Amino acid sequence: YLLSLTHREETAEEITQETFFKAMKSVGSF
């Protein structure tokens, strides 16, 4: 999904990592 937005593998990987970090911090609010 992020690769389709960014068109850059490195950026998509970086944001994916950040996404899961944020999800880990807020999983209780899901």
PDB file of all heavy atoms in Angstrom:
ATOM      1  N   TYR A   1       0.842  -1.196   0.000  1.00  0.00           N
ATOM      2  CA  TYR A   1       0.000   0.000   0.000  1.00  0.00           C
ATOM      3  C   TYR A   1       0.882   1.252   0.000  1.00  0.00           C
ATOM      4  O   TYR A   1       0.670   2.171  -0.798  1.00  0.00           O
ATOM      5  CB  TYR A   1      -0.923  -0.016   1.225  1.00  0.00           C
ATOM      6  CG  TYR A   1      -1.696   1.259   1.407  1.00  0.00           C
ATOM      7  CD1 TYR A   1      -2.713   1.615   0.525  1.00  0.00           C
ATOM      8  CD2 TYR A   1      -1.420   2.111   2.472  1.00  0.00           C
ATOM      9  CE1 TYR A   1      -3.426   2.789   0.686  1.00  0.00           C
ATOM     10  CE2 TYR A   1      -2.131   3.282   2.640  1.00  0.00           C
ATOM     11  CZ  TYR A   1      -3.131   3.621   1.748  1.00  0.00           C
ATOM     12  OH  TYR A   1      -3.828   4.784   1.913  1.00  0.00           O
ATOM     13  N   LEU A   2       1.879   1.287   0.859  1.00  0.00           N
ATOM     14  CA  LEU A   2       2.769   2.446   0.927  1.00  0.00           C
ATOM     15  C   LEU A   2       3.615   2.577  -0.330  1.00  0.00           C
ATOM     16  O   LEU A   2       3.887   3.689  -0.785  1.00  0.00           O
ATOM     17  CB  LEU A   2       3.651   2.360   2.170  1.00  0.00           C
ATOM     18  CG  LEU A   2       2.915   2.688   3.462  1.00  0.00           C
ATOM     19  CD1 LEU A   2       3.711   2.237   4.673  1.00  0.00           C
ATOM     20  CD2 LEU A   2       2.596   4.173   3.530  1.00  0.00           C
ATOM     21  N   LEU A   3       4.007   1.471  -0.911  1.00  0.00           N
ATOM     22  CA  LEU A   3       4.773   1.518  -2.158  1.00  0.00           C
ATOM     23  C   LEU A   3       3.931   2.150  -3.261  1.00  0.00           C
ATOM     24  O   LEU A   3       4.443   2.920  -4.080  1.00  0.00           O
ATOM     25  CB  LEU A   3       5.235   0.117  -2.561  1.00  0.00           C
ATOM     26  CG  LEU A   3       6.199   0.019  -3.731  1.00  0.00           C
ATOM     27  CD1 LEU A   3       7.475   0.805  -3.460  1.00  0.00           C
ATOM     28  CD2 LEU A   3       6.534  -1.442  -4.009  1.00  0.00           C
ATOM     29  N   SER A   4       2.639   1.879  -3.253  1.00  0.00           N
ATOM     30  CA  SER A   4       1.765   2.499  -4.255  1.00  0.00           C
ATOM     31  C   SER A   4       1.634   4.006  -4.033  1.00  0.00           C
ATOM     32  O   SER A   4       1.404   4.753  -4.971  1.00  0.00           O
ATOM     33  CB  SER A   4       0.387   1.841  -4.253  1.00  0.00           C
ATOM     34  OG  SER A   4      -0.369   2.234  -3.129  1.00  0.00           O
ATOM     35  N   LEU A   5       1.801   4.450  -2.797  1.00  0.00           N
ATOM     36  CA  LEU A   5       1.746   5.884  -2.503  1.00  0.00           C
ATOM     37  C   LEU A   5       3.075   6.583  -2.780  1.00  0.00           C
ATOM     38  O   LEU A   5       3.103   7.675  -3.327  1.00  0.00           O
ATOM     39  CB  LEU A   5       1.369   6.116  -1.033  1.00  0.00           C
ATOM     40  CG  LEU A   5      -0.031   5.729  -0.591  1.00  0.00           C
ATOM     41  CD1 LEU A   5      -0.182   5.931   0.910  1.00  0.00           C
ATOM     42  CD2 LEU A   5      -1.074   6.512  -1.341  1.00  0.00           C
ATOM     43  N   THR A   6       4.177   5.927  -2.373  1.00  0.00           N
ATOM     44  CA  THR A   6       5.482   6.589  -2.421  1.00  0.00           C
ATOM     45  C   THR A   6       6.259   6.312  -3.703  1.00  0.00           C
ATOM     46  O   THR A   6       7.081   7.123  -4.097  1.00  0.00           O
ATOM     47  CB  THR A   6       6.366   6.126  -1.247  1.00  0.00           C
ATOM     48  OG1 THR A   6       6.650   4.728  -1.388  1.00  0.00           O
ATOM     49  CG2 THR A   6       5.698   6.401   0.091  1.00  0.00           C
ATOM     50  N   HIS A   7       6.053   5.163  -4.298  1.00  0.00           N
ATOM     51  CA  HIS A   7       6.796   4.720  -5.482  1.00  0.00           C
ATOM     52  C   HIS A   7       8.292   4.581  -5.194  1.00  0.00           C
ATOM     53  O   HIS A   7       9.097   4.631  -6.122  1.00  0.00           O
ATOM     54  CB  HIS A   7       6.574   5.655  -6.677  1.00  0.00           C
ATOM     55  CG  HIS A   7       5.130   5.850  -7.011  1.00  0.00           C
ATOM     56  ND1 HIS A   7       4.375   4.868  -7.587  1.00  0.00           N
ATOM     57  CD2 HIS A   7       4.309   6.904  -6.817  1.00  0.00           C
ATOM     58  CE1 HIS A   7       3.144   5.315  -7.751  1.00  0.00           C
ATOM     59  NE2 HIS A   7       3.071   6.532  -7.290  1.00  0.00           N
ATOM     60  N   ARG A   8       8.649   4.431  -3.942  1.00  0.00           N
ATOM     61  CA  ARG A   8      10.053   4.262  -3.549  1.00  0.00           C
ATOM     62  C   ARG A   8      10.122   3.173  -2.493  1.00  0.00           C
ATOM     63  O   ARG A   8       9.512   3.291  -1.434  1.00  0.00           O
ATOM     64  CB  ARG A   8      10.615   5.570  -2.994  1.00  0.00           C
ATOM     65  CG  ARG A   8      10.546   6.709  -4.014  1.00  0.00           C
ATOM     66  CD  ARG A   8      11.309   7.873  -3.547  1.00  0.00           C
ATOM     67  NE  ARG A   8      12.711   7.457  -3.555  1.00  0.00           N
ATOM     68  CZ  ARG A   8      13.705   8.281  -3.383  1.00  0.00           C
ATOM     69  NH1 ARG A   8      13.489   9.539  -3.184  1.00  0.00           N
ATOM     70  NH2 ARG A   8      14.955   7.842  -3.410  1.00  0.00           N
ATOM     71  N   GLU A   9      10.894   2.127  -2.787  1.00  0.00           N
ATOM     72  CA  GLU A   9      10.975   0.983  -1.879  1.00  0.00           C
ATOM     73  C   GLU A   9      11.492   1.376  -0.500  1.00  0.00           C
ATOM     74  O   GLU A   9      10.950   0.946   0.516  1.00  0.00           O
ATOM     75  CB  GLU A   9      11.865  -0.101  -2.482  1.00  0.00           C
ATOM     76  CG  GLU A   9      11.252  -0.772  -3.690  1.00  0.00           C
ATOM     77  CD  GLU A   9      12.144  -1.852  -4.295  1.00  0.00           C
ATOM     78  OE1 GLU A   9      13.180  -2.199  -3.689  1.00  0.00           O
ATOM     79  OE2 GLU A   9      11.784  -2.357  -5.367  1.00  0.00           O
ATOM     80  N   GLU A  10      12.570   2.173  -0.466  1.00  0.00           N
ATOM     81  CA  GLU A  10      13.176   2.552   0.817  1.00  0.00           C
ATOM     82  C   GLU A  10      12.191   3.333   1.678  1.00  0.00           C
ATOM     83  O   GLU A  10      12.071   3.090   2.879  1.00  0.00           O
ATOM     84  CB  GLU A  10      14.439   3.397   0.612  1.00  0.00           C
ATOM     85  CG  GLU A  10      15.480   2.791  -0.298  1.00  0.00           C
ATOM     86  CD  GLU A  10      15.188   3.011  -1.783  1.00  0.00           C
ATOM     87  OE1 GLU A  10      14.550   4.025  -2.156  1.00  0.00           O
ATOM     88  OE2 GLU A  10      15.582   2.145  -2.574  1.00  0.00           O
ATOM     89  N   THR A  11      11.500   4.274   1.052  1.00  0.00           N
ATOM     90  CA  THR A  11      10.533   5.089   1.789  1.00  0.00           C
ATOM     91  C   THR A  11       9.382   4.229   2.284  1.00  0.00           C
ATOM     92  O   THR A  11       8.937   4.368   3.427  1.00  0.00           O
ATOM     93  CB  THR A  11      10.006   6.230   0.889  1.00  0.00           C
ATOM     94  OG1 THR A  11      11.122   6.973   0.384  1.00  0.00           O
ATOM     95  CG2 THR A  11       9.093   7.160   1.658  1.00  0.00           C
ATOM     96  N   ALA A  12       8.886   3.331   1.431  1.00  0.00           N
ATOM     97  CA  ALA A  12       7.787   2.444   1.823  1.00  0.00           C
ATOM     98  C   ALA A  12       8.205   1.564   3.001  1.00  0.00           C
ATOM     99  O   ALA A  12       7.427   1.377   3.947  1.00  0.00           O
ATOM    100  CB  ALA A  12       7.346   1.587   0.643  1.00  0.00           C
ATOM    101  N   GLU A  13       9.422   1.038   2.977  1.00  0.00           N
ATOM    102  CA  GLU A  13       9.916   0.210   4.088  1.00  0.00           C
ATOM    103  C   GLU A  13       9.997   1.015   5.378  1.00  0.00           C
ATOM    104  O   GLU A  13       9.575   0.553   6.439  1.00  0.00           O
ATOM    105  CB  GLU A  13      11.288  -0.371   3.748  1.00  0.00           C
ATOM    106  CG  GLU A  13      11.255  -1.473   2.731  1.00  0.00           C
ATOM    107  CD  GLU A  13      12.639  -1.978   2.361  1.00  0.00           C
ATOM    108  OE1 GLU A  13      13.608  -1.706   3.097  1.00  0.00           O
ATOM    109  OE2 GLU A  13      12.748  -2.645   1.322  1.00  0.00           O
ATOM    110  N   GLU A  14      10.542   2.218   5.266  1.00  0.00           N
ATOM    111  CA  GLU A  14      10.702   3.076   6.440  1.00  0.00           C
ATOM    112  C   GLU A  14       9.346   3.425   7.064  1.00  0.00           C
ATOM    113  O   GLU A  14       9.161   3.319   8.278  1.00  0.00           O
ATOM    114  CB  GLU A  14      11.429   4.361   6.025  1.00  0.00           C
ATOM    115  CG  GLU A  14      11.656   5.338   7.144  1.00  0.00           C
ATOM    116  CD  GLU A  14      12.341   6.592   6.635  1.00  0.00           C
ATOM    117  OE1 GLU A  14      13.279   6.498   5.821  1.00  0.00           O
ATOM    118  OE2 GLU A  14      11.909   7.681   7.063  1.00  0.00           O
ATOM    119  N   ILE A  15       8.397   3.801   6.229  1.00  0.00           N
ATOM    120  CA  ILE A  15       7.082   4.180   6.748  1.00  0.00           C
ATOM    121  C   ILE A  15       6.337   2.953   7.266  1.00  0.00           C
ATOM    122  O   ILE A  15       5.583   3.044   8.241  1.00  0.00           O
ATOM    123  CB  ILE A  15       6.259   4.933   5.677  1.00  0.00           C
ATOM    124  CG1 ILE A  15       6.981   6.229   5.281  1.00  0.00           C
ATOM    125  CG2 ILE A  15       4.862   5.260   6.198  1.00  0.00           C
ATOM    126  CD1 ILE A  15       6.347   6.960   4.107  1.00  0.00           C
ATOM    127  N   THR A  16       6.550   1.808   6.653  1.00  0.00           N
ATOM    128  CA  THR A  16       5.923   0.574   7.146  1.00  0.00           C
ATOM    129  C   THR A  16       6.409   0.271   8.559  1.00  0.00           C
ATOM    130  O   THR A  16       5.614  -0.067   9.444  1.00  0.00           O
ATOM    131  CB  THR A  16       6.212  -0.612   6.209  1.00  0.00           C
ATOM    132  OG1 THR A  16       5.717  -0.304   4.903  1.00  0.00           O
ATOM    133  CG2 THR A  16       5.547  -1.883   6.704  1.00  0.00           C
ATOM    134  N   GLN A  17       7.711   0.412   8.783  1.00  0.00           N
ATOM    135  CA  GLN A  17       8.268   0.192  10.127  1.00  0.00           C
ATOM    136  C   GLN A  17       7.646   1.171  11.119  1.00  0.00           C
ATOM    137  O   GLN A  17       7.245   0.786  12.221  1.00  0.00           O
ATOM    138  CB  GLN A  17       9.792   0.361  10.109  1.00  0.00           C
ATOM    139  CG  GLN A  17      10.539  -0.646   9.275  1.00  0.00           C
ATOM    140  CD  GLN A  17      10.416  -2.060   9.799  1.00  0.00           C
ATOM    141  OE1 GLN A  17      10.164  -2.291  10.964  1.00  0.00           O
ATOM    142  NE2 GLN A  17      10.590  -3.033   8.908  1.00  0.00           N
ATOM    143  N   GLU A  18       7.569   2.431  10.721  1.00  0.00           N
ATOM    144  CA  GLU A  18       6.983   3.462  11.583  1.00  0.00           C
ATOM    145  C   GLU A  18       5.508   3.163  11.859  1.00  0.00           C
ATOM    146  O   GLU A  18       5.021   3.367  12.965  1.00  0.00           O
ATOM    147  CB  GLU A  18       7.140   4.840  10.930  1.00  0.00           C
ATOM    148  CG  GLU A  18       6.606   5.978  11.743  1.00  0.00           C
ATOM    149  CD  GLU A  18       7.391   6.254  13.021  1.00  0.00           C
ATOM    150  OE1 GLU A  18       8.564   5.846  13.115  1.00  0.00           O
ATOM    151  OE2 GLU A  18       6.814   6.877  13.932  1.00  0.00           O
ATOM    152  N   THR A  19       4.811   2.655  10.853  1.00  0.00           N
ATOM    153  CA  THR A  19       3.395   2.309  11.005  1.00  0.00           C
ATOM    154  C   THR A  19       3.211   1.265  12.098  1.00  0.00           C
ATOM    155  O   THR A  19       2.348   1.405  12.971  1.00  0.00           O
ATOM    156  CB  THR A  19       2.821   1.782   9.666  1.00  0.00           C
ATOM    157  OG1 THR A  19       2.890   2.836   8.705  1.00  0.00           O
ATOM    158  CG2 THR A  19       1.400   1.289   9.817  1.00  0.00           C
ATOM    159  N   PHE A  20       4.021   0.215  12.059  1.00  0.00           N
ATOM    160  CA  PHE A  20       3.876  -0.839  13.057  1.00  0.00           C
ATOM    161  C   PHE A  20       4.321  -0.370  14.440  1.00  0.00           C
ATOM    162  O   PHE A  20       3.783  -0.808  15.456  1.00  0.00           O
ATOM    163  CB  PHE A  20       4.606  -2.112  12.611  1.00  0.00           C
ATOM    164  CG  PHE A  20       3.797  -2.886  11.617  1.00  0.00           C
ATOM    165  CD1 PHE A  20       4.010  -2.733  10.260  1.00  0.00           C
ATOM    166  CD2 PHE A  20       2.790  -3.745  12.026  1.00  0.00           C
ATOM    167  CE1 PHE A  20       3.248  -3.428   9.333  1.00  0.00           C
ATOM    168  CE2 PHE A  20       2.014  -4.440  11.117  1.00  0.00           C
ATOM    169  CZ  PHE A  20       2.249  -4.280   9.760  1.00  0.00           C
ATOM    170  N   PHE A  21       5.272   0.547  14.492  1.00  0.00           N
ATOM    171  CA  PHE A  21       5.668   1.134  15.770  1.00  0.00           C
ATOM    172  C   PHE A  21       4.488   1.912  16.359  1.00  0.00           C
ATOM    173  O   PHE A  21       4.161   1.768  17.536  1.00  0.00           O
ATOM    174  CB  PHE A  21       6.891   2.040  15.586  1.00  0.00           C
ATOM    175  CG  PHE A  21       7.320   2.717  16.843  1.00  0.00           C
ATOM    176  CD1 PHE A  21       7.932   2.007  17.864  1.00  0.00           C
ATOM    177  CD2 PHE A  21       7.105   4.076  17.015  1.00  0.00           C
ATOM    178  CE1 PHE A  21       8.320   2.634  19.040  1.00  0.00           C
ATOM    179  CE2 PHE A  21       7.492   4.717  18.174  1.00  0.00           C
ATOM    180  CZ  PHE A  21       8.099   3.993  19.195  1.00  0.00           C
ATOM    181  N   LYS A  22       3.832   2.722  15.528  1.00  0.00           N
ATOM    182  CA  LYS A  22       2.671   3.490  15.987  1.00  0.00           C
ATOM    183  C   LYS A  22       1.524   2.556  16.369  1.00  0.00           C
ATOM    184  O   LYS A  22       0.806   2.808  17.351  1.00  0.00           O
ATOM    185  CB  LYS A  22       2.215   4.473  14.916  1.00  0.00           C
ATOM    186  CG  LYS A  22       3.157   5.648  14.760  1.00  0.00           C
ATOM    187  CD  LYS A  22       2.669   6.604  13.708  1.00  0.00           C
ATOM    188  CE  LYS A  22       3.597   7.800  13.598  1.00  0.00           C
ATOM    189  NZ  LYS A  22       3.108   8.791  12.632  1.00  0.00           N
ATOM    190  N   ALA A  23       1.330   1.504  15.605  1.00  0.00           N
ATOM    191  CA  ALA A  23       0.273   0.537  15.906  1.00  0.00           C
ATOM    192  C   ALA A  23       0.538  -0.135  17.252  1.00  0.00           C
ATOM    193  O   ALA A  23      -0.383  -0.349  18.044  1.00  0.00           O
ATOM    194  CB  ALA A  23       0.171  -0.503  14.797  1.00  0.00           C
ATOM    195  N   MET A  24       1.803  -0.448  17.509  1.00  0.00           N
ATOM    196  CA  MET A  24       2.171  -1.080  18.776  1.00  0.00           C
ATOM    197  C   MET A  24       1.823  -0.149  19.941  1.00  0.00           C
ATOM    198  O   MET A  24       1.295  -0.593  20.956  1.00  0.00           O
ATOM    199  CB  MET A  24       3.668  -1.397  18.785  1.00  0.00           C
ATOM    200  CG  MET A  24       4.153  -2.069  20.053  1.00  0.00           C
ATOM    201  SD  MET A  24       5.911  -2.459  20.004  1.00  0.00           S
ATOM    202  CE  MET A  24       6.629  -0.824  20.080  1.00  0.00           C
ATOM    203  N   LYS A  25       2.066   1.145  19.758  1.00  0.00           N
ATOM    204  CA  LYS A  25       1.793   2.105  20.825  1.00  0.00           C
ATOM    205  C   LYS A  25       0.294   2.318  21.036  1.00  0.00           C
ATOM    206  O   LYS A  25      -0.127   2.650  22.133  1.00  0.00           O
ATOM    207  CB  LYS A  25       2.465   3.447  20.527  1.00  0.00           C
ATOM    208  CG  LYS A  25       3.968   3.380  20.634  1.00  0.00           C
ATOM    209  CD  LYS A  25       4.726   4.675  20.445  1.00  0.00           C
ATOM    210  CE  LYS A  25       3.998   5.869  20.002  1.00  0.00           C
ATOM    211  NZ  LYS A  25       4.832   7.047  19.744  1.00  0.00           N
ATOM    212  N   SER A  26      -0.496   2.122  19.979  1.00  0.00           N
ATOM    213  CA  SER A  26      -1.924   2.439  20.098  1.00  0.00           C
ATOM    214  C   SER A  26      -2.837   1.241  19.878  1.00  0.00           C
ATOM    215  O   SER A  26      -4.027   1.425  19.623  1.00  0.00           O
ATOM    216  CB  SER A  26      -2.277   3.560  19.121  1.00  0.00           C
ATOM    217  OG  SER A  26      -2.043   3.162  17.798  1.00  0.00           O
ATOM    218  N   VAL A  27      -2.305   0.034  19.972  1.00  0.00           N
ATOM    219  CA  VAL A  27      -3.127  -1.162  19.733  1.00  0.00           C
ATOM    220  C   VAL A  27      -4.298  -1.229  20.709  1.00  0.00           C
ATOM    221  O   VAL A  27      -5.360  -1.734  20.376  1.00  0.00           O
ATOM    222  CB  VAL A  27      -2.280  -2.458  19.750  1.00  0.00           C
ATOM    223  CG1 VAL A  27      -1.851  -2.840  21.151  1.00  0.00           C
ATOM    224  CG2 VAL A  27      -3.020  -3.592  19.067  1.00  0.00           C
ATOM    225  N   GLY A  28      -4.136  -0.665  21.896  1.00  0.00           N
ATOM    226  CA  GLY A  28      -5.222  -0.657  22.878  1.00  0.00           C
ATOM    227  C   GLY A  28      -6.400   0.194  22.449  1.00  0.00           C
ATOM    228  O   GLY A  28      -7.528  -0.018  22.900  1.00  0.00           O
ATOM    229  N   SER A  29      -6.155   1.146  21.556  1.00  0.00           N
ATOM    230  CA  SER A  29      -7.242   2.028  21.104  1.00  0.00           C
ATOM    231  C   SER A  29      -7.965   1.470  19.875  1.00  0.00           C
ATOM    232  O   SER A  29      -8.942   2.072  19.426  1.00  0.00           O
ATOM    233  CB  SER A  29      -6.691   3.421  20.787  1.00  0.00           C
ATOM    234  OG  SER A  29      -5.851   3.374  19.655  1.00  0.00           O
ATOM    235  N   PHE A  30      -7.501   0.342  19.348  1.00  0.00           N
ATOM    236  CA  PHE A  30      -8.185  -0.267  18.198  1.00  0.00           C
ATOM    237  C   PHE A  30      -9.525  -0.814  18.674  1.00  0.00           C
ATOM    238  O   PHE A  30      -9.591  -1.667  19.546  1.00  0.00           O
ATOM    239  CB  PHE A  30      -7.330  -1.381  17.585  1.00  0.00           C
ATOM    240  CG  PHE A  30      -8.009  -2.097  16.445  1.00  0.00           C
ATOM    241  CD1 PHE A  30      -8.315  -1.426  15.273  1.00  0.00           C
ATOM    242  CD2 PHE A  30      -8.345  -3.434  16.554  1.00  0.00           C
ATOM    243  CE1 PHE A  30      -8.941  -2.076  14.219  1.00  0.00           C
ATOM    244  CE2 PHE A  30      -8.970  -4.090  15.504  1.00  0.00           C
ATOM    245  CZ  PHE A  30      -9.264  -3.403  14.344  1.00  0.00           C
TER     246      PHE A  30
END
